[in-house]
Amino acid sequence: MSYVSREDLAPGLRMAALDRYVIFFRVLDGTVRIERVLHGARNLPMLFGTDSDASPAD
C-alpha cells in the first residue's frame, strides 16, 4: 500500500485518509511518526505555513 507524498507541505511528509480525517506522518529509520491528524475540510497549506496567499499575523 502506498501513501500520498506531501512534500509540498513539509519534507518527507506523507498522508493517509481515514473517513473525514487525514493523517500526516513521516517514516524515520523504519519508525512511523504521526505528525498531525486533521479534519479533511481544513486549509492544509495554511496550517502547515505554506499558503502563499495567507497574510502574516500581526
N, C-alpha and C. Protein backbone atom coordinates (compact mmCIF):
# COMPACT_ATOMS: atom_id res chain seq x y z
N MET A 1 0.84 -1.17 0.00
CA MET A 1 0.00 0.00 0.00
C MET A 1 0.89 1.24 0.00
N SER A 2 0.57 2.21 -0.84
CA SER A 2 1.36 3.43 -0.88
C SER A 2 0.52 4.60 -0.37
N TYR A 3 1.20 5.61 0.10
CA TYR A 3 0.54 6.79 0.65
C TYR A 3 1.01 8.02 -0.12
N VAL A 4 0.15 9.01 -0.19
CA VAL A 4 0.41 10.22 -0.95
C VAL A 4 1.54 11.02 -0.31
N SER A 5 2.52 11.38 -1.12
CA SER A 5 3.60 12.24 -0.65
C SER A 5 3.09 13.68 -0.59
N ARG A 6 3.39 14.39 0.49
CA ARG A 6 3.01 15.80 0.61
C ARG A 6 4.25 16.65 0.86
N GLU A 7 5.25 16.46 0.01
CA GLU A 7 6.48 17.25 0.07
C GLU A 7 6.18 18.74 -0.09
N ASP A 8 5.02 19.06 -0.69
CA ASP A 8 4.64 20.47 -0.85
C ASP A 8 4.34 21.13 0.49
N LEU A 9 4.02 20.33 1.50
CA LEU A 9 3.71 20.86 2.83
C LEU A 9 4.92 20.82 3.77
N ALA A 10 5.70 19.74 3.70
CA ALA A 10 6.88 19.60 4.56
C ALA A 10 7.74 18.45 4.02
N PRO A 11 9.05 18.54 4.17
CA PRO A 11 9.93 17.48 3.67
C PRO A 11 9.63 16.12 4.32
N GLY A 12 9.53 15.08 3.47
CA GLY A 12 9.33 13.72 3.95
C GLY A 12 7.92 13.40 4.42
N LEU A 13 7.00 14.34 4.30
CA LEU A 13 5.63 14.15 4.80
C LEU A 13 4.82 13.30 3.85
N ARG A 14 4.04 12.39 4.42
CA ARG A 14 3.11 11.55 3.67
C ARG A 14 1.74 11.68 4.30
N MET A 15 0.69 11.26 3.56
CA MET A 15 -0.68 11.46 4.02
C MET A 15 -1.51 10.21 3.79
N ALA A 16 -2.36 9.89 4.76
CA ALA A 16 -3.32 8.80 4.63
C ALA A 16 -4.69 9.34 5.02
N ALA A 17 -5.72 8.98 4.26
CA ALA A 17 -7.08 9.41 4.56
C ALA A 17 -7.80 8.33 5.36
N LEU A 18 -8.59 8.77 6.34
CA LEU A 18 -9.40 7.87 7.15
C LEU A 18 -10.71 8.57 7.44
N ASP A 19 -11.77 8.13 6.79
CA ASP A 19 -13.07 8.80 6.88
C ASP A 19 -12.91 10.27 6.50
N ARG A 20 -13.28 11.19 7.38
CA ARG A 20 -13.18 12.62 7.09
C ARG A 20 -11.88 13.24 7.57
N TYR A 21 -10.96 12.41 7.99
CA TYR A 21 -9.70 12.90 8.55
C TYR A 21 -8.53 12.54 7.66
N VAL A 22 -7.46 13.32 7.77
CA VAL A 22 -6.22 12.99 7.10
C VAL A 22 -5.13 12.88 8.17
N ILE A 23 -4.32 11.87 8.01
CA ILE A 23 -3.23 11.60 8.95
C ILE A 23 -1.93 11.91 8.23
N PHE A 24 -1.15 12.82 8.80
CA PHE A 24 0.14 13.19 8.23
C PHE A 24 1.22 12.51 9.04
N PHE A 25 2.16 11.89 8.33
CA PHE A 25 3.20 11.13 9.02
C PHE A 25 4.49 11.14 8.23
N ARG A 26 5.56 10.76 8.91
CA ARG A 26 6.87 10.56 8.29
C ARG A 26 7.36 9.18 8.72
N VAL A 27 8.18 8.57 7.87
CA VAL A 27 8.85 7.32 8.23
C VAL A 27 10.32 7.66 8.42
N LEU A 28 10.80 7.51 9.65
CA LEU A 28 12.19 7.83 10.00
C LEU A 28 12.87 6.59 10.55
N ASP A 29 13.89 6.12 9.87
CA ASP A 29 14.64 4.93 10.30
C ASP A 29 13.73 3.74 10.60
N GLY A 30 12.72 3.53 9.75
CA GLY A 30 11.83 2.40 9.92
C GLY A 30 10.72 2.61 10.95
N THR A 31 10.65 3.79 11.55
CA THR A 31 9.62 4.10 12.54
C THR A 31 8.65 5.12 11.96
N VAL A 32 7.35 4.88 12.13
CA VAL A 32 6.34 5.82 11.66
C VAL A 32 6.09 6.85 12.76
N ARG A 33 6.24 8.12 12.39
CA ARG A 33 5.99 9.21 13.34
C ARG A 33 4.76 9.98 12.85
N ILE A 34 3.68 9.95 13.64
CA ILE A 34 2.47 10.69 13.32
C ILE A 34 2.73 12.16 13.64
N GLU A 35 2.58 13.02 12.63
CA GLU A 35 2.82 14.45 12.81
C GLU A 35 1.54 15.19 13.18
N ARG A 36 0.47 14.91 12.45
CA ARG A 36 -0.81 15.59 12.71
C ARG A 36 -1.96 14.72 12.23
N VAL A 37 -3.11 14.87 12.88
CA VAL A 37 -4.36 14.28 12.43
C VAL A 37 -5.34 15.45 12.34
N LEU A 38 -5.85 15.70 11.13
CA LEU A 38 -6.69 16.87 10.90
C LEU A 38 -7.96 16.48 10.15
N HIS A 39 -9.00 17.29 10.32
CA HIS A 39 -10.22 17.11 9.54
C HIS A 39 -9.91 17.49 8.11
N GLY A 40 -10.41 16.74 7.16
CA GLY A 40 -10.11 16.96 5.75
C GLY A 40 -10.59 18.28 5.19
N ALA A 41 -11.51 18.96 5.85
CA ALA A 41 -12.03 20.23 5.34
C ALA A 41 -11.15 21.42 5.72
N ARG A 42 -10.11 21.21 6.50
CA ARG A 42 -9.23 22.30 6.93
C ARG A 42 -8.37 22.80 5.77
N ASN A 43 -7.90 24.04 5.87
CA ASN A 43 -7.00 24.62 4.88
C ASN A 43 -5.59 24.12 5.20
N LEU A 44 -5.19 23.03 4.58
CA LEU A 44 -3.94 22.37 4.92
C LEU A 44 -2.70 23.23 4.67
N PRO A 45 -2.57 23.90 3.51
CA PRO A 45 -1.38 24.74 3.31
C PRO A 45 -1.25 25.83 4.37
N MET A 46 -2.36 26.42 4.80
CA MET A 46 -2.30 27.45 5.82
C MET A 46 -1.82 26.87 7.16
N LEU A 47 -2.31 25.69 7.50
CA LEU A 47 -1.93 25.06 8.77
C LEU A 47 -0.46 24.65 8.80
N PHE A 48 0.09 24.32 7.63
CA PHE A 48 1.49 23.93 7.57
C PHE A 48 2.40 25.11 7.24
N GLY A 49 1.80 26.31 7.12
CA GLY A 49 2.61 27.50 6.87
C GLY A 49 3.14 27.60 5.46
N THR A 50 2.45 26.97 4.50
CA THR A 50 2.92 27.02 3.11
C THR A 50 1.95 27.74 2.20
N ASP A 51 0.94 28.40 2.73
CA ASP A 51 -0.08 29.10 1.93
C ASP A 51 0.47 30.45 1.52
N SER A 52 0.78 30.62 0.25
CA SER A 52 1.36 31.88 -0.23
C SER A 52 0.35 33.01 -0.25
N ASP A 53 -0.95 32.69 -0.18
CA ASP A 53 -1.98 33.73 -0.20
C ASP A 53 -2.32 34.24 1.19
N ALA A 54 -1.86 33.55 2.22
CA ALA A 54 -2.18 33.95 3.60
C ALA A 54 -1.32 35.14 4.01
N SER A 55 -1.95 36.09 4.65
CA SER A 55 -1.18 37.25 5.13
C SER A 55 -0.64 36.92 6.50
N PRO A 56 0.57 37.42 6.84
CA PRO A 56 1.16 37.14 8.14
C PRO A 56 0.34 37.76 9.27
N ALA A 57 0.31 37.07 10.39
CA ALA A 57 -0.43 37.57 11.55
C ALA A 57 0.30 38.77 12.15
N ASP A 58 -0.47 39.77 12.56
CA ASP A 58 0.12 40.97 13.17
C ASP A 58 0.29 40.79 14.67
